[in-house]
N, C-alpha and C. Protein backbone atom coordinates (compact mmCIF):
# COMPACT_ATOMS: atom_id res chain seq x y z
N MET A 1 10.20 -99.79 45.29
CA MET A 1 9.04 -100.03 44.42
C MET A 1 8.62 -98.73 43.72
N ALA A 2 8.12 -98.86 42.52
CA ALA A 2 7.63 -97.71 41.76
C ALA A 2 6.22 -98.02 41.27
N LYS A 3 5.47 -96.99 40.96
CA LYS A 3 4.09 -97.18 40.51
C LYS A 3 3.90 -96.67 39.08
N ILE A 4 3.01 -97.35 38.37
CA ILE A 4 2.52 -96.84 37.09
C ILE A 4 1.01 -97.02 37.06
N ARG A 5 0.36 -96.36 36.13
CA ARG A 5 -1.07 -96.51 35.96
C ARG A 5 -1.40 -96.78 34.49
N VAL A 6 -2.44 -97.57 34.29
CA VAL A 6 -3.00 -97.76 32.95
C VAL A 6 -4.34 -97.05 32.92
N LEU A 7 -4.45 -96.10 32.03
CA LEU A 7 -5.66 -95.28 31.90
C LEU A 7 -6.61 -95.84 30.86
N LEU A 8 -7.89 -95.81 31.15
CA LEU A 8 -8.93 -96.18 30.19
C LEU A 8 -9.90 -95.01 30.06
N TYR A 9 -10.16 -94.65 28.80
CA TYR A 9 -11.02 -93.50 28.52
C TYR A 9 -12.47 -93.95 28.44
N VAL A 10 -13.33 -93.33 29.26
CA VAL A 10 -14.76 -93.62 29.26
C VAL A 10 -15.43 -92.69 28.24
N THR A 11 -16.00 -93.28 27.21
CA THR A 11 -16.59 -92.49 26.12
C THR A 11 -17.71 -91.59 26.64
N PRO A 12 -17.61 -90.29 26.40
CA PRO A 12 -18.64 -89.35 26.88
C PRO A 12 -19.87 -89.34 25.99
N LYS A 13 -20.81 -88.46 26.33
CA LYS A 13 -22.01 -88.31 25.51
C LYS A 13 -21.62 -87.94 24.08
N PHE A 14 -22.45 -88.35 23.14
CA PHE A 14 -22.08 -88.22 21.73
C PHE A 14 -21.88 -86.77 21.31
N LYS A 15 -20.74 -86.52 20.71
CA LYS A 15 -20.43 -85.29 19.99
C LYS A 15 -19.63 -85.71 18.77
N TRP A 16 -19.68 -84.90 17.74
CA TRP A 16 -19.01 -85.28 16.50
C TRP A 16 -17.52 -85.54 16.71
N LYS A 17 -16.88 -84.75 17.59
CA LYS A 17 -15.44 -84.93 17.79
C LYS A 17 -15.12 -86.25 18.48
N TYR A 18 -16.13 -86.90 19.10
CA TYR A 18 -15.94 -88.19 19.75
C TYR A 18 -16.43 -89.35 18.89
N ARG A 19 -16.60 -89.13 17.60
CA ARG A 19 -17.24 -90.14 16.75
C ARG A 19 -16.45 -91.45 16.69
N ILE A 20 -15.12 -91.35 16.67
CA ILE A 20 -14.31 -92.57 16.64
C ILE A 20 -14.45 -93.33 17.96
N ASN A 21 -14.44 -92.58 19.07
CA ASN A 21 -14.63 -93.22 20.37
C ASN A 21 -15.98 -93.93 20.44
N TRP A 22 -16.99 -93.27 19.90
CA TRP A 22 -18.32 -93.87 19.91
C TRP A 22 -18.37 -95.13 19.05
N LEU A 23 -17.71 -95.08 17.91
CA LEU A 23 -17.68 -96.24 17.03
C LEU A 23 -17.02 -97.43 17.72
N ILE A 24 -15.90 -97.17 18.41
CA ILE A 24 -15.19 -98.23 19.12
C ILE A 24 -16.06 -98.79 20.25
N SER A 25 -16.66 -97.91 21.03
CA SER A 25 -17.50 -98.36 22.14
C SER A 25 -18.72 -99.13 21.65
N LEU A 26 -19.31 -98.66 20.56
CA LEU A 26 -20.49 -99.32 20.01
C LEU A 26 -20.14 -100.71 19.50
N TRP A 27 -19.04 -100.80 18.76
CA TRP A 27 -18.68 -102.08 18.16
C TRP A 27 -18.23 -103.10 19.20
N THR A 28 -17.49 -102.63 20.21
CA THR A 28 -16.97 -103.55 21.23
C THR A 28 -17.92 -103.70 22.41
N ARG A 29 -19.03 -102.96 22.39
CA ARG A 29 -20.02 -103.02 23.47
C ARG A 29 -19.37 -102.73 24.82
N SER A 30 -18.67 -101.62 24.86
CA SER A 30 -17.92 -101.26 26.07
C SER A 30 -17.97 -99.75 26.26
N LYS A 31 -17.85 -99.31 27.49
CA LYS A 31 -17.79 -97.87 27.75
C LYS A 31 -16.39 -97.32 27.50
N TYR A 32 -15.41 -98.21 27.29
CA TYR A 32 -14.03 -97.77 27.09
C TYR A 32 -13.69 -97.71 25.60
N SER A 33 -12.95 -96.66 25.23
CA SER A 33 -12.60 -96.50 23.82
C SER A 33 -11.15 -96.09 23.59
N HIS A 34 -10.35 -95.99 24.65
CA HIS A 34 -8.95 -95.60 24.47
C HIS A 34 -8.16 -96.01 25.71
N ALA A 35 -6.87 -96.22 25.54
CA ALA A 35 -6.00 -96.64 26.64
C ALA A 35 -4.67 -95.91 26.57
N GLU A 36 -4.11 -95.63 27.73
CA GLU A 36 -2.79 -94.99 27.85
C GLU A 36 -2.04 -95.61 29.02
N ALA A 37 -0.72 -95.60 28.95
CA ALA A 37 0.12 -95.92 30.11
C ALA A 37 0.60 -94.61 30.70
N TRP A 38 0.56 -94.51 32.03
CA TRP A 38 0.85 -93.24 32.71
C TRP A 38 1.94 -93.48 33.74
N THR A 39 3.09 -92.83 33.56
CA THR A 39 4.19 -92.92 34.52
C THR A 39 4.22 -91.64 35.35
N PRO A 40 4.68 -91.75 36.62
CA PRO A 40 4.70 -90.57 37.49
C PRO A 40 5.83 -89.62 37.14
N ARG A 41 5.98 -88.61 37.97
CA ARG A 41 6.99 -87.58 37.72
C ARG A 41 8.39 -88.19 37.64
N ASP A 42 8.69 -89.10 38.55
CA ASP A 42 9.93 -89.88 38.47
C ASP A 42 9.74 -91.14 39.28
N MET A 43 10.64 -92.09 39.12
CA MET A 43 10.48 -93.42 39.70
C MET A 43 10.44 -93.38 41.22
N THR A 44 11.18 -92.47 41.84
CA THR A 44 11.27 -92.42 43.30
C THR A 44 10.19 -91.55 43.93
N ASN A 45 9.39 -90.88 43.10
CA ASN A 45 8.35 -90.01 43.62
C ASN A 45 7.05 -90.35 42.90
N ASP A 46 6.21 -91.18 43.53
CA ASP A 46 5.01 -91.69 42.88
C ASP A 46 3.87 -90.67 42.88
N VAL A 47 4.17 -89.45 42.49
CA VAL A 47 3.14 -88.40 42.47
C VAL A 47 2.53 -88.33 41.08
N PHE A 48 1.23 -88.61 41.00
CA PHE A 48 0.49 -88.47 39.74
C PHE A 48 -0.35 -87.19 39.75
N THR A 49 -1.01 -86.94 40.89
CA THR A 49 -1.84 -85.74 41.02
C THR A 49 -1.60 -85.10 42.37
N GLN A 50 -1.87 -83.80 42.43
CA GLN A 50 -1.74 -83.07 43.68
C GLN A 50 -2.80 -81.98 43.71
N THR A 51 -3.66 -82.04 44.70
CA THR A 51 -4.77 -81.09 44.80
C THR A 51 -4.43 -79.99 45.78
N GLU A 52 -4.63 -78.75 45.35
CA GLU A 52 -4.37 -77.61 46.23
C GLU A 52 -5.60 -76.72 46.34
N LEU A 53 -5.75 -76.12 47.52
CA LEU A 53 -6.87 -75.22 47.77
C LEU A 53 -6.56 -73.84 47.21
N ILE A 54 -7.41 -73.37 46.31
CA ILE A 54 -7.21 -72.04 45.72
C ILE A 54 -8.00 -70.97 46.47
N LYS A 55 -9.25 -71.33 46.80
CA LYS A 55 -10.11 -70.38 47.48
C LYS A 55 -10.89 -71.11 48.57
N PRO A 56 -10.67 -70.76 49.85
CA PRO A 56 -11.36 -71.46 50.94
C PRO A 56 -12.86 -71.13 50.96
N SER A 57 -13.61 -71.96 51.66
CA SER A 57 -15.04 -71.68 51.80
C SER A 57 -15.24 -70.41 52.61
N LYS A 58 -16.36 -69.75 52.35
CA LYS A 58 -16.61 -68.46 52.99
C LYS A 58 -18.10 -68.34 53.31
N GLY A 59 -18.38 -67.84 54.50
CA GLY A 59 -19.77 -67.63 54.90
C GLY A 59 -20.08 -66.16 55.08
N ASP A 60 -21.20 -65.73 54.54
CA ASP A 60 -21.65 -64.34 54.67
C ASP A 60 -23.03 -64.31 55.31
N ILE A 61 -23.23 -63.38 56.21
CA ILE A 61 -24.53 -63.20 56.87
C ILE A 61 -25.06 -61.82 56.54
N SER A 62 -26.30 -61.75 56.04
CA SER A 62 -26.92 -60.47 55.71
C SER A 62 -28.32 -60.42 56.30
N THR A 63 -28.77 -59.22 56.67
CA THR A 63 -30.10 -59.03 57.25
C THR A 63 -30.87 -58.02 56.43
N SER A 64 -32.09 -58.39 56.06
CA SER A 64 -32.95 -57.50 55.28
C SER A 64 -34.40 -57.74 55.65
N CYS A 65 -35.12 -56.65 56.00
CA CYS A 65 -36.55 -56.72 56.33
C CYS A 65 -36.83 -57.73 57.45
N GLY A 66 -35.93 -57.79 58.39
CA GLY A 66 -36.13 -58.67 59.52
C GLY A 66 -35.71 -60.11 59.30
N TYR A 67 -35.23 -60.43 58.09
CA TYR A 67 -34.79 -61.79 57.78
C TYR A 67 -33.27 -61.85 57.70
N THR A 68 -32.74 -62.92 58.21
CA THR A 68 -31.29 -63.13 58.17
C THR A 68 -30.97 -64.22 57.15
N THR A 69 -30.05 -63.91 56.25
CA THR A 69 -29.66 -64.86 55.21
C THR A 69 -28.19 -65.24 55.39
N VAL A 70 -27.95 -66.52 55.39
CA VAL A 70 -26.58 -67.03 55.49
C VAL A 70 -26.19 -67.64 54.14
N THR A 71 -25.13 -67.12 53.56
CA THR A 71 -24.64 -67.61 52.27
C THR A 71 -23.27 -68.23 52.45
N VAL A 72 -23.14 -69.49 52.01
CA VAL A 72 -21.87 -70.19 52.13
C VAL A 72 -21.38 -70.56 50.74
N THR A 73 -20.19 -70.16 50.41
CA THR A 73 -19.59 -70.51 49.12
C THR A 73 -18.68 -71.72 49.31
N GLU A 74 -18.71 -72.63 48.34
CA GLU A 74 -17.90 -73.82 48.41
C GLU A 74 -16.42 -73.50 48.15
N PRO A 75 -15.52 -74.25 48.76
CA PRO A 75 -14.09 -74.03 48.47
C PRO A 75 -13.76 -74.41 47.03
N VAL A 76 -12.75 -73.79 46.48
CA VAL A 76 -12.32 -74.06 45.11
C VAL A 76 -10.95 -74.74 45.14
N TYR A 77 -10.86 -75.88 44.46
CA TYR A 77 -9.61 -76.63 44.42
C TYR A 77 -9.08 -76.68 42.99
N ARG A 78 -7.79 -76.84 42.87
CA ARG A 78 -7.15 -77.08 41.58
C ARG A 78 -6.31 -78.33 41.69
N THR A 79 -6.46 -79.21 40.73
CA THR A 79 -5.68 -80.44 40.74
C THR A 79 -4.59 -80.37 39.68
N ASN A 80 -3.36 -80.46 40.12
CA ASN A 80 -2.22 -80.48 39.21
C ASN A 80 -1.92 -81.93 38.84
N ILE A 81 -1.68 -82.17 37.57
CA ILE A 81 -1.43 -83.52 37.07
C ILE A 81 0.01 -83.61 36.58
N PHE A 82 0.70 -84.64 37.02
CA PHE A 82 2.11 -84.80 36.70
C PHE A 82 2.35 -86.10 35.93
N GLY A 83 3.54 -86.24 35.40
CA GLY A 83 3.92 -87.47 34.74
C GLY A 83 3.79 -87.43 33.23
N THR A 84 3.92 -88.61 32.64
CA THR A 84 3.94 -88.76 31.19
C THR A 84 3.00 -89.88 30.76
N CYS A 85 2.27 -89.64 29.67
CA CYS A 85 1.38 -90.65 29.11
C CYS A 85 1.96 -91.19 27.81
N TYR A 86 1.86 -92.51 27.63
CA TYR A 86 2.32 -93.19 26.43
C TYR A 86 1.15 -93.92 25.80
N THR A 87 1.04 -93.84 24.49
CA THR A 87 -0.04 -94.55 23.79
C THR A 87 0.23 -94.56 22.30
N SER A 88 -0.72 -95.09 21.54
CA SER A 88 -0.73 -94.98 20.09
C SER A 88 -2.03 -94.29 19.70
N THR A 89 -1.93 -93.20 18.96
CA THR A 89 -3.12 -92.38 18.70
C THR A 89 -2.97 -91.57 17.41
N THR A 90 -4.10 -91.06 16.93
CA THR A 90 -4.10 -90.12 15.81
C THR A 90 -4.66 -88.77 16.24
N ARG A 91 -4.98 -88.63 17.52
CA ARG A 91 -5.61 -87.40 18.00
C ARG A 91 -4.59 -86.27 18.13
N ASP A 92 -5.07 -85.04 17.90
CA ASP A 92 -4.26 -83.83 18.08
C ASP A 92 -2.99 -83.84 17.22
N ASP A 93 -3.16 -84.19 15.97
CA ASP A 93 -2.05 -84.16 15.00
C ASP A 93 -0.96 -85.19 15.30
N ASN A 94 -1.22 -86.13 16.19
CA ASN A 94 -0.27 -87.21 16.42
C ASN A 94 -0.56 -88.35 15.47
N SER A 95 0.45 -89.16 15.23
CA SER A 95 0.27 -90.32 14.37
C SER A 95 1.14 -91.46 14.84
N GLY A 96 0.54 -92.40 15.57
CA GLY A 96 1.28 -93.55 16.02
C GLY A 96 1.65 -93.47 17.49
N THR A 97 2.74 -94.12 17.85
CA THR A 97 3.16 -94.23 19.25
C THR A 97 3.81 -92.93 19.70
N VAL A 98 3.26 -92.36 20.74
CA VAL A 98 3.71 -91.05 21.21
C VAL A 98 3.79 -91.03 22.74
N LYS A 99 4.51 -90.05 23.26
CA LYS A 99 4.46 -89.75 24.68
C LYS A 99 4.15 -88.27 24.83
N ARG A 100 3.31 -87.96 25.82
CA ARG A 100 2.85 -86.58 26.02
C ARG A 100 2.77 -86.29 27.51
N ASP A 101 2.87 -85.03 27.84
CA ASP A 101 2.70 -84.62 29.22
C ASP A 101 1.30 -85.01 29.68
N ALA A 102 1.19 -85.66 30.83
CA ALA A 102 -0.11 -86.14 31.31
C ALA A 102 -1.11 -85.00 31.49
N SER A 103 -0.63 -83.82 31.83
CA SER A 103 -1.54 -82.69 32.03
C SER A 103 -2.22 -82.28 30.73
N LEU A 104 -1.62 -82.60 29.58
CA LEU A 104 -2.22 -82.29 28.29
C LEU A 104 -3.21 -83.36 27.86
N VAL A 105 -3.04 -84.57 28.37
CA VAL A 105 -3.92 -85.68 28.02
C VAL A 105 -5.17 -85.70 28.90
N LEU A 106 -4.99 -85.45 30.18
CA LEU A 106 -6.07 -85.62 31.16
C LEU A 106 -6.76 -84.30 31.46
N THR A 107 -7.17 -83.61 30.42
CA THR A 107 -7.84 -82.31 30.59
C THR A 107 -9.28 -82.46 31.07
N HIS A 108 -9.85 -83.66 30.89
CA HIS A 108 -11.20 -83.94 31.39
C HIS A 108 -11.13 -85.21 32.25
N PRO A 109 -10.66 -85.07 33.49
CA PRO A 109 -10.45 -86.25 34.34
C PRO A 109 -11.72 -87.05 34.61
N GLU A 110 -12.88 -86.43 34.46
CA GLU A 110 -14.14 -87.15 34.69
C GLU A 110 -14.37 -88.25 33.66
N HIS A 111 -13.61 -88.25 32.57
CA HIS A 111 -13.77 -89.25 31.52
C HIS A 111 -12.77 -90.41 31.63
N TRP A 112 -12.01 -90.45 32.72
CA TRP A 112 -10.95 -91.45 32.81
C TRP A 112 -11.07 -92.34 34.05
N GLU A 113 -10.69 -93.60 33.88
CA GLU A 113 -10.49 -94.53 34.99
C GLU A 113 -9.09 -95.12 34.85
N TYR A 114 -8.57 -95.69 35.93
CA TYR A 114 -7.22 -96.24 35.83
C TYR A 114 -7.04 -97.48 36.71
N PHE A 115 -6.08 -98.31 36.30
CA PHE A 115 -5.53 -99.38 37.11
C PHE A 115 -4.18 -98.90 37.62
N GLU A 116 -3.80 -99.29 38.81
CA GLU A 116 -2.48 -98.92 39.34
C GLU A 116 -1.68 -100.17 39.67
N PHE A 117 -0.38 -100.12 39.38
CA PHE A 117 0.51 -101.26 39.59
C PHE A 117 1.75 -100.83 40.34
N GLU A 118 2.22 -101.69 41.22
CA GLU A 118 3.51 -101.48 41.87
C GLU A 118 4.55 -102.33 41.14
N LEU A 119 5.63 -101.68 40.73
CA LEU A 119 6.68 -102.36 39.98
C LEU A 119 7.99 -102.34 40.74
N THR A 120 8.83 -103.31 40.45
CA THR A 120 10.20 -103.25 40.95
C THR A 120 10.96 -102.20 40.15
N GLU A 121 12.12 -101.83 40.66
CA GLU A 121 12.94 -100.85 39.93
C GLU A 121 13.32 -101.39 38.56
N LEU A 122 13.60 -102.70 38.48
CA LEU A 122 13.96 -103.30 37.19
C LEU A 122 12.78 -103.25 36.22
N GLN A 123 11.58 -103.60 36.68
CA GLN A 123 10.39 -103.55 35.82
C GLN A 123 10.15 -102.12 35.30
N TYR A 124 10.26 -101.16 36.20
CA TYR A 124 10.00 -99.77 35.81
C TYR A 124 11.01 -99.28 34.79
N THR A 125 12.28 -99.58 35.03
CA THR A 125 13.33 -99.15 34.11
C THR A 125 13.16 -99.79 32.74
N LEU A 126 12.84 -101.09 32.74
CA LEU A 126 12.61 -101.80 31.48
C LEU A 126 11.40 -101.23 30.74
N LEU A 127 10.31 -100.96 31.47
CA LEU A 127 9.12 -100.42 30.85
C LEU A 127 9.39 -99.08 30.19
N GLU A 128 10.05 -98.17 30.90
CA GLU A 128 10.36 -96.86 30.31
C GLU A 128 11.24 -97.01 29.08
N PHE A 129 12.21 -97.91 29.15
CA PHE A 129 13.10 -98.13 28.01
C PHE A 129 12.31 -98.59 26.79
N ILE A 130 11.42 -99.58 26.99
CA ILE A 130 10.65 -100.12 25.87
C ILE A 130 9.69 -99.08 25.30
N MET A 131 9.00 -98.36 26.17
CA MET A 131 8.04 -97.36 25.68
C MET A 131 8.75 -96.24 24.92
N ASN A 132 9.86 -95.77 25.44
CA ASN A 132 10.59 -94.70 24.75
C ASN A 132 11.18 -95.20 23.43
N LYS A 133 11.61 -96.46 23.41
CA LYS A 133 12.11 -97.04 22.17
C LYS A 133 11.00 -97.12 21.13
N ASP A 134 9.79 -97.52 21.55
CA ASP A 134 8.65 -97.57 20.63
C ASP A 134 8.30 -96.19 20.09
N VAL A 135 8.41 -95.18 20.95
CA VAL A 135 8.15 -93.80 20.50
C VAL A 135 9.20 -93.39 19.46
N ASP A 136 10.46 -93.68 19.76
CA ASP A 136 11.55 -93.30 18.85
C ASP A 136 11.44 -94.03 17.51
N ASN A 137 10.95 -95.27 17.54
CA ASN A 137 10.85 -96.08 16.32
C ASN A 137 9.44 -96.07 15.73
N ASN A 138 8.66 -95.07 16.07
CA ASN A 138 7.27 -94.98 15.63
C ASN A 138 7.14 -95.09 14.11
N LYS A 139 6.25 -95.98 13.65
CA LYS A 139 6.00 -96.18 12.23
C LYS A 139 4.67 -95.56 11.78
N GLY A 140 4.05 -94.79 12.66
CA GLY A 140 2.78 -94.17 12.29
C GLY A 140 1.59 -94.99 12.77
N TYR A 141 0.43 -94.47 12.48
CA TYR A 141 -0.83 -95.11 12.90
C TYR A 141 -1.66 -95.35 11.66
N ALA A 142 -1.81 -96.61 11.26
CA ALA A 142 -2.53 -96.94 10.03
C ALA A 142 -4.02 -97.15 10.31
N PHE A 143 -4.83 -96.80 9.34
CA PHE A 143 -6.27 -97.03 9.46
C PHE A 143 -6.58 -98.51 9.66
N TRP A 144 -5.74 -99.37 9.08
CA TRP A 144 -5.95 -100.81 9.22
C TRP A 144 -5.88 -101.25 10.68
N ASP A 145 -5.17 -100.47 11.52
CA ASP A 145 -5.06 -100.84 12.92
C ASP A 145 -6.43 -100.94 13.58
N LEU A 146 -7.30 -99.97 13.28
CA LEU A 146 -8.65 -100.01 13.85
C LEU A 146 -9.43 -101.20 13.32
N LEU A 147 -9.20 -101.55 12.06
CA LEU A 147 -9.93 -102.67 11.48
C LEU A 147 -9.52 -104.01 12.08
N LYS A 148 -8.42 -104.00 12.87
CA LYS A 148 -8.01 -105.23 13.52
C LYS A 148 -9.12 -105.80 14.39
N PHE A 149 -9.90 -104.91 15.02
CA PHE A 149 -10.99 -105.43 15.85
C PHE A 149 -12.35 -104.90 15.45
N LEU A 150 -12.41 -104.06 14.42
CA LEU A 150 -13.70 -103.59 13.92
C LEU A 150 -14.19 -104.43 12.76
N SER A 151 -13.35 -105.34 12.29
CA SER A 151 -13.70 -106.15 11.12
C SER A 151 -13.51 -107.63 11.43
N PRO A 152 -14.37 -108.48 10.88
CA PRO A 152 -14.16 -109.93 11.07
C PRO A 152 -12.93 -110.43 10.33
N VAL A 153 -12.43 -109.64 9.39
CA VAL A 153 -11.21 -109.99 8.66
C VAL A 153 -10.06 -109.22 9.29
N HIS A 154 -9.05 -109.93 9.80
CA HIS A 154 -7.98 -109.27 10.53
C HIS A 154 -6.74 -109.10 9.65
N PHE A 155 -6.07 -107.97 9.87
CA PHE A 155 -4.91 -107.62 9.07
C PHE A 155 -3.67 -107.62 9.96
N SER A 156 -2.63 -108.31 9.54
CA SER A 156 -1.42 -108.40 10.33
C SER A 156 -0.55 -107.17 10.09
N ASP A 157 -0.16 -106.49 11.19
CA ASP A 157 0.71 -105.32 11.10
C ASP A 157 1.59 -105.32 12.34
N ASN A 158 2.77 -105.87 12.21
CA ASN A 158 3.67 -106.02 13.35
C ASN A 158 4.42 -104.74 13.69
N GLU A 159 4.30 -103.71 12.85
CA GLU A 159 5.04 -102.48 13.08
C GLU A 159 4.19 -101.41 13.74
N ARG A 160 2.89 -101.63 13.81
CA ARG A 160 1.99 -100.62 14.36
C ARG A 160 1.03 -101.28 15.34
N ALA A 161 0.44 -100.46 16.20
CA ALA A 161 -0.52 -100.99 17.17
C ALA A 161 -1.54 -99.92 17.51
N ILE A 162 -2.76 -100.34 17.81
CA ILE A 162 -3.73 -99.41 18.36
C ILE A 162 -3.39 -99.21 19.83
N CYS A 163 -4.03 -98.26 20.46
CA CYS A 163 -3.68 -97.85 21.81
C CYS A 163 -3.64 -99.02 22.80
N SER A 164 -4.70 -99.80 22.85
CA SER A 164 -4.81 -100.88 23.83
C SER A 164 -3.83 -102.01 23.54
N GLU A 165 -3.49 -102.23 22.27
CA GLU A 165 -2.48 -103.24 21.94
C GLU A 165 -1.11 -102.80 22.42
N ALA A 166 -0.80 -101.52 22.24
CA ALA A 166 0.49 -101.00 22.70
C ALA A 166 0.62 -101.15 24.21
N VAL A 167 -0.42 -100.75 24.94
CA VAL A 167 -0.38 -100.85 26.40
C VAL A 167 -0.29 -102.31 26.83
N ASN A 168 -1.04 -103.18 26.19
CA ASN A 168 -0.98 -104.61 26.52
C ASN A 168 0.42 -105.15 26.29
N ASP A 169 1.04 -104.81 25.17
CA ASP A 169 2.38 -105.29 24.87
C ASP A 169 3.39 -104.83 25.92
N TRP A 170 3.25 -103.59 26.38
CA TRP A 170 4.16 -103.07 27.41
C TRP A 170 3.98 -103.82 28.73
N LEU A 171 2.74 -104.14 29.08
CA LEU A 171 2.49 -104.88 30.31
C LEU A 171 2.99 -106.32 30.20
N VAL A 172 2.88 -106.90 29.02
CA VAL A 172 3.41 -108.24 28.79
C VAL A 172 4.93 -108.23 28.95
N ALA A 173 5.58 -107.19 28.47
CA ALA A 173 7.05 -107.11 28.51
C ALA A 173 7.59 -107.11 29.93
N ILE A 174 6.80 -106.62 30.89
CA ILE A 174 7.28 -106.57 32.28
C ILE A 174 6.59 -107.61 33.16
N GLY A 175 5.87 -108.55 32.52
CA GLY A 175 5.34 -109.68 33.25
C GLY A 175 4.03 -109.50 33.97
N ILE A 176 3.30 -108.42 33.69
CA ILE A 176 2.00 -108.22 34.34
C ILE A 176 0.91 -108.99 33.62
N LEU A 177 0.97 -109.03 32.29
CA LEU A 177 -0.01 -109.76 31.49
C LEU A 177 0.70 -110.77 30.60
N LEU A 178 -0.10 -111.67 30.05
CA LEU A 178 0.40 -112.65 29.09
C LEU A 178 -0.40 -112.54 27.80
N GLY A 179 0.26 -112.77 26.68
CA GLY A 179 -0.45 -112.86 25.41
C GLY A 179 -0.71 -111.52 24.75
N GLY A 180 -0.61 -111.54 23.42
CA GLY A 180 -0.87 -110.34 22.63
C GLY A 180 -2.08 -110.52 21.75
N GLY A 181 -1.89 -110.19 20.48
CA GLY A 181 -3.00 -110.34 19.54
C GLY A 181 -3.84 -109.09 19.44
N ILE A 182 -5.10 -109.30 19.07
CA ILE A 182 -6.02 -108.18 18.84
C ILE A 182 -6.65 -107.80 20.17
N ILE A 183 -6.24 -106.66 20.71
CA ILE A 183 -6.66 -106.23 22.04
C ILE A 183 -7.39 -104.89 21.95
N SER A 184 -8.67 -104.91 22.21
CA SER A 184 -9.45 -103.67 22.29
C SER A 184 -9.35 -103.12 23.70
N PRO A 185 -9.73 -101.85 23.94
CA PRO A 185 -9.77 -101.34 25.32
C PRO A 185 -10.63 -102.22 26.22
N LYS A 186 -11.73 -102.74 25.69
CA LYS A 186 -12.59 -103.63 26.47
C LYS A 186 -11.85 -104.89 26.90
N LYS A 187 -11.11 -105.50 25.97
CA LYS A 187 -10.38 -106.73 26.28
C LYS A 187 -9.24 -106.47 27.25
N LEU A 188 -8.57 -105.32 27.11
CA LEU A 188 -7.51 -104.96 28.04
C LEU A 188 -8.07 -104.84 29.45
N HIS A 189 -9.22 -104.18 29.57
CA HIS A 189 -9.88 -104.05 30.87
C HIS A 189 -10.22 -105.42 31.44
N LYS A 190 -10.76 -106.30 30.60
CA LYS A 190 -11.14 -107.64 31.04
C LYS A 190 -9.94 -108.44 31.52
N LYS A 191 -8.82 -108.36 30.78
CA LYS A 191 -7.62 -109.10 31.16
C LYS A 191 -7.09 -108.65 32.52
N LEU A 192 -7.13 -107.35 32.76
CA LEU A 192 -6.61 -106.83 34.03
C LEU A 192 -7.56 -107.15 35.18
N LYS A 193 -8.86 -107.10 34.93
CA LYS A 193 -9.83 -107.47 35.96
C LYS A 193 -9.68 -108.93 36.35
N GLU A 194 -9.44 -109.79 35.35
CA GLU A 194 -9.26 -111.21 35.62
C GLU A 194 -8.00 -111.49 36.43
N LYS A 195 -7.03 -110.57 36.38
CA LYS A 195 -5.82 -110.71 37.18
C LYS A 195 -6.00 -110.15 38.59
N GLY A 196 -7.19 -109.62 38.88
CA GLY A 196 -7.49 -109.12 40.22
C GLY A 196 -7.30 -107.63 40.42
N TYR A 197 -6.95 -106.91 39.36
CA TYR A 197 -6.80 -105.46 39.48
C TYR A 197 -8.15 -104.76 39.38
N LYS A 198 -8.27 -103.62 40.04
CA LYS A 198 -9.53 -102.88 40.06
C LYS A 198 -9.34 -101.47 39.52
N THR A 199 -10.37 -100.98 38.81
CA THR A 199 -10.31 -99.63 38.28
C THR A 199 -10.69 -98.61 39.35
N VAL A 200 -10.13 -97.43 39.21
CA VAL A 200 -10.43 -96.30 40.09
C VAL A 200 -10.78 -95.11 39.22
N GLU A 201 -11.80 -94.36 39.59
CA GLU A 201 -12.14 -93.15 38.83
C GLU A 201 -11.09 -92.09 39.10
N LEU A 202 -10.60 -91.49 38.04
CA LEU A 202 -9.55 -90.48 38.19
C LEU A 202 -10.02 -89.30 39.03
N LEU A 203 -11.31 -89.01 39.00
CA LEU A 203 -11.82 -87.88 39.78
C LEU A 203 -11.65 -88.08 41.27
N ASN A 204 -11.33 -89.31 41.71
CA ASN A 204 -11.03 -89.52 43.12
C ASN A 204 -9.70 -88.88 43.53
N TYR A 205 -8.86 -88.60 42.49
CA TYR A 205 -7.57 -87.95 42.71
C TYR A 205 -6.74 -88.66 43.76
N SER A 206 -6.80 -89.98 43.75
CA SER A 206 -6.02 -90.74 44.74
C SER A 206 -4.59 -90.97 44.25
């Protein structure tokens, strides 16, 4: 068995650089505004994150004017993030379906939640093949893609997909979900919850 994760981005407090995320969350009435598929380091090693102790806790005792003060410093940890993220995006000079090192995507883990799935070797191999093929055949990311769910008038574009549509299509291809169409991050979350899957905060580092 192999594992994959589907990441959902929780829109942070408003800043100009998050304006698109805010627009998506506002229009869809959801805290989620982006989706990614996350594969581990390799199929036989389901390592997504690894936390290591950098600086242990330390206690100091000092005495001054007859008073004793005990100072305890908290331990410092560093979490290493492994694997690859796949999505459709325009962020960071990307345009369309891309794959990126997960450590470059998850720089603010407090903004992410994920679903986790156990796959057969066949499902995992097929998923990687399809995602890499979509990356290789990338047709770009059109502005009309966002209007697929931001507008009451829908535009058909079979060559491009927004992030949550791409992730939904990949899950459909390996039999986890059914049905395509116009899929926002909110709808993707709803479909997975209805199948019995639960989100986990990435900060749990599980």
